C-alpha atoms as a PDB file:
ATOM      1  CA  MET A   1     108.764 140.540 154.161  1.00  0.00           C
ATOM      2  CA  ASN A   2     105.242 141.619 153.437  1.00  0.00           C
ATOM      3  CA  GLU A   3     104.714 142.247 149.717  1.00  0.00           C
ATOM      4  CA  ILE A   4     101.959 144.581 148.662  1.00  0.00           C
ATOM      5  CA  ILE A   5     100.361 143.318 145.450  1.00  0.00           C
ATOM      6  CA  SER A   6      96.859 144.769 145.391  1.00  0.00           C
ATOM      7  CA  ILE A   7      94.883 147.874 146.240  1.00  0.00           C
ATOM      8  CA  TYR A   8      93.360 145.936 149.117  1.00  0.00           C
ATOM      9  CA  ASP A   9      96.849 145.179 150.475  1.00  0.00           C
ATOM     10  CA  TRP A  10      97.805 148.843 150.068  1.00  0.00           C
ATOM     11  CA  GLU A  11      94.758 150.061 151.957  1.00  0.00           C
ATOM     12  CA  LYS A  12      95.255 147.471 154.695  1.00  0.00           C
ATOM     13  CA  ILE A  13      98.931 148.368 155.178  1.00  0.00           C
ATOM     14  CA  ASN A  14      98.123 152.054 155.302  1.00  0.00           C
ATOM     15  CA  ARG A  15      95.802 151.526 158.263  1.00  0.00           C
ATOM     16  CA  LYS A  16      98.921 150.713 160.253  1.00  0.00           C
ATOM     17  CA  SER A  17     100.958 153.510 161.665  1.00  0.00           C
ATOM     18  CA  ASP A  18     104.507 154.029 160.438  1.00  0.00           C
ATOM     19  CA  TYR A  19     106.577 151.891 158.088  1.00  0.00           C
ATOM     20  CA  LEU A  20     109.075 151.954 155.242  1.00  0.00           C
ATOM     21  CA  LEU A  21     107.998 151.095 151.723  1.00  0.00           C
ATOM     22  CA  LEU A  22     110.606 149.468 149.504  1.00  0.00           C
ATOM     23  CA  ILE A  23     110.069 149.428 145.766  1.00  0.00           C
ATOM     24  CA  THR A  24     112.213 146.798 144.151  1.00  0.00           C
ATOM     25  CA  LYS A  25     112.814 144.666 141.073  1.00  0.00           C
ATOM     26  CA  GLU A  26     114.061 141.111 140.867  1.00  0.00           C
ATOM     27  CA  SER A  27     116.573 142.097 138.189  1.00  0.00           C
ATOM     28  CA  CYS A  28     118.248 144.638 140.512  1.00  0.00           C
ATOM     29  CA  ASP A  29     121.462 143.512 142.242  1.00  0.00           C
ATOM     30  CA  ASP A  30     121.307 146.368 144.765  1.00  0.00           C
ATOM     31  CA  CYS A  31     117.759 145.282 145.634  1.00  0.00           C
ATOM     32  CA  LYS A  32     118.982 141.756 146.343  1.00  0.00           C
ATOM     33  CA  GLU A  33     121.553 143.133 148.791  1.00  0.00           C
ATOM     34  CA  VAL A  34     118.861 145.195 150.514  1.00  0.00           C
ATOM     35  CA  GLU A  35     116.549 142.200 150.791  1.00  0.00           C
ATOM     36  CA  GLU A  36     119.366 140.070 152.240  1.00  0.00           C
ATOM     37  CA  TYR A  37     119.955 142.774 154.876  1.00  0.00           C
ATOM     38  CA  LEU A  38     116.246 142.849 155.672  1.00  0.00           C
ATOM     39  CA  GLU A  39     116.066 139.059 156.048  1.00  0.00           C
ATOM     40  CA  LYS A  40     118.867 139.220 158.614  1.00  0.00           C
ATOM     41  CA  ASN A  41     117.193 142.105 160.478  1.00  0.00           C
ATOM     42  CA  ASN A  42     113.598 140.876 160.832  1.00  0.00           C
ATOM     43  CA  ASN A  43     112.458 142.980 157.856  1.00  0.00           C
ATOM     44  CA  LYS A  44     113.212 146.189 159.712  1.00  0.00           C
ATOM     45  CA  VAL A  45     115.432 149.201 159.312  1.00  0.00           C
ATOM     46  CA  GLU A  46     115.933 150.794 162.702  1.00  0.00           C
ATOM     47  CA  ASN A  47     112.458 150.367 164.261  1.00  0.00           C
ATOM     48  CA  TYR A  48     110.505 150.584 161.003  1.00  0.00           C
ATOM     49  CA  ILE A  49     108.922 147.509 159.473  1.00  0.00           C
ATOM     50  CA  VAL A  50     109.548 147.276 155.736  1.00  0.00           C
ATOM     51  CA  ASN A  51     106.812 146.434 153.224  1.00  0.00           C
ATOM     52  CA  LYS A  52     107.621 146.137 149.551  1.00  0.00           C
ATOM     53  CA  ILE A  53     106.204 146.468 146.077  1.00  0.00           C
ATOM     54  CA  ASN A  54     108.006 144.406 143.456  1.00  0.00           C
ATOM     55  CA  LEU A  55     107.794 146.044 140.041  1.00  0.00           C
ATOM     56  CA  ASP A  56     108.498 142.686 138.367  1.00  0.00           C
ATOM     57  CA  ASN A  57     105.559 140.913 139.983  1.00  0.00           C
ATOM     58  CA  PRO A  58     102.799 140.594 137.340  1.00  0.00           C
ATOM     59  CA  HIS A  59     100.199 140.405 140.137  1.00  0.00           C
ATOM     60  CA  SER A  60     101.152 143.964 141.154  1.00  0.00           C
ATOM     61  CA  GLU A  61     100.435 145.559 137.782  1.00  0.00           C
ATOM     62  CA  GLU A  62      97.018 146.941 138.728  1.00  0.00           C
ATOM     63  CA  LEU A  63      98.371 148.351 141.998  1.00  0.00           C
ATOM     64  CA  ILE A  64     101.316 150.008 140.253  1.00  0.00           C
ATOM     65  CA  ASN A  65      99.005 151.588 137.694  1.00  0.00           C
ATOM     66  CA  GLU A  66      96.669 152.803 140.439  1.00  0.00           C
ATOM     67  CA  LEU A  67      99.513 154.401 142.404  1.00  0.00           C
ATOM     68  CA  GLU A  68     100.465 156.912 139.715  1.00  0.00           C
ATOM     69  CA  TRP A  69     103.325 158.366 141.766  1.00  0.00           C
ATOM     70  CA  ILE A  70     105.265 155.117 141.252  1.00  0.00           C
ATOM     71  CA  ASN A  71     105.420 155.619 137.478  1.00  0.00           C
ATOM     72  CA  VAL A  72     106.296 159.296 137.914  1.00  0.00           C
ATOM     73  CA  GLU A  73     108.872 159.106 140.707  1.00  0.00           C
ATOM     74  CA  VAL A  74     110.472 155.669 140.623  1.00  0.00           C
ATOM     75  CA  ASP A  75     113.275 155.818 138.106  1.00  0.00           C
ATOM     76  CA  PHE A  76     115.844 153.910 140.143  1.00  0.00           C
ATOM     77  CA  VAL A  77     115.494 150.965 142.520  1.00  0.00           C
ATOM     78  CA  PRO A  78     115.778 150.310 145.371  1.00  0.00           C
ATOM     79  CA  PHE A  79     113.398 153.192 146.047  1.00  0.00           C
ATOM     80  CA  TRP A  80     112.239 153.871 149.599  1.00  0.00           C
ATOM     81  CA  SER A  81     109.429 155.933 151.070  1.00  0.00           C
ATOM     82  CA  LEU A  82     108.906 156.671 154.720  1.00  0.00           C
ATOM     83  CA  ILE A  83     105.196 156.359 155.481  1.00  0.00           C
ATOM     84  CA  LEU A  84     103.898 158.140 158.576  1.00  0.00           C
ATOM     85  CA  ASP A  85     100.209 158.253 159.428  1.00  0.00           C
ATOM     86  CA  SER A  86      99.414 156.721 156.004  1.00  0.00           C
ATOM     87  CA  LYS A  87     101.227 159.527 154.124  1.00  0.00           C
ATOM     88  CA  ARG A  88     104.451 159.378 152.158  1.00  0.00           C
ATOM     89  CA  ILE A  89     106.718 161.799 153.987  1.00  0.00           C
ATOM     90  CA  LYS A  90     110.165 161.332 152.459  1.00  0.00           C
ATOM     91  CA  SER A  91     111.654 159.245 149.683  1.00  0.00           C
ATOM     92  CA  VAL A  92     115.158 158.204 148.743  1.00  0.00           C
ATOM     93  CA  ARG A  93     116.847 155.966 146.189  1.00  0.00           C
ATOM     94  CA  GLY A  94     119.591 153.585 147.238  1.00  0.00           C
ATOM     95  CA  ASN A  95     120.776 151.115 149.827  1.00  0.00           C
ATOM     96  CA  VAL A  96     120.016 150.742 153.536  1.00  0.00           C
ATOM     97  CA  LYS A  97     122.551 153.435 154.454  1.00  0.00           C
ATOM     98  CA  MET A  98     120.622 155.927 152.295  1.00  0.00           C
ATOM     99  CA  VAL A  99     117.265 155.063 153.839  1.00  0.00           C
ATOM    100  CA  LYS A 100     118.661 155.463 157.348  1.00  0.00           C
ATOM    101  CA  GLU A 101     119.366 159.100 156.470  1.00  0.00           C
ATOM    102  CA  ILE A 102     115.634 159.865 156.053  1.00  0.00           C
ATOM    103  CA  ILE A 103     114.512 158.141 159.231  1.00  0.00           C
END
């Protein structure tokens, strides 16, 4: 799965059309289940490619601080956002079943 760790990565990913963004933590058991599902399904949910930001990755600290909405909105992981035309359209907290409801 493609992990976004820098502003450059974020800008590059957002040039692509539509995708799901997964915000995760290594200490989260539910996140591990989600990532196992994604590994078995070519890092996709339905037809959407999944990119992730790992809150535990020290290399992502600058990105997380730059994307202020993460600190405001992400209070529970796994946290998903549906990105269409480089804009966050919908967000949901929970497992793969929950994210399928916003697609």
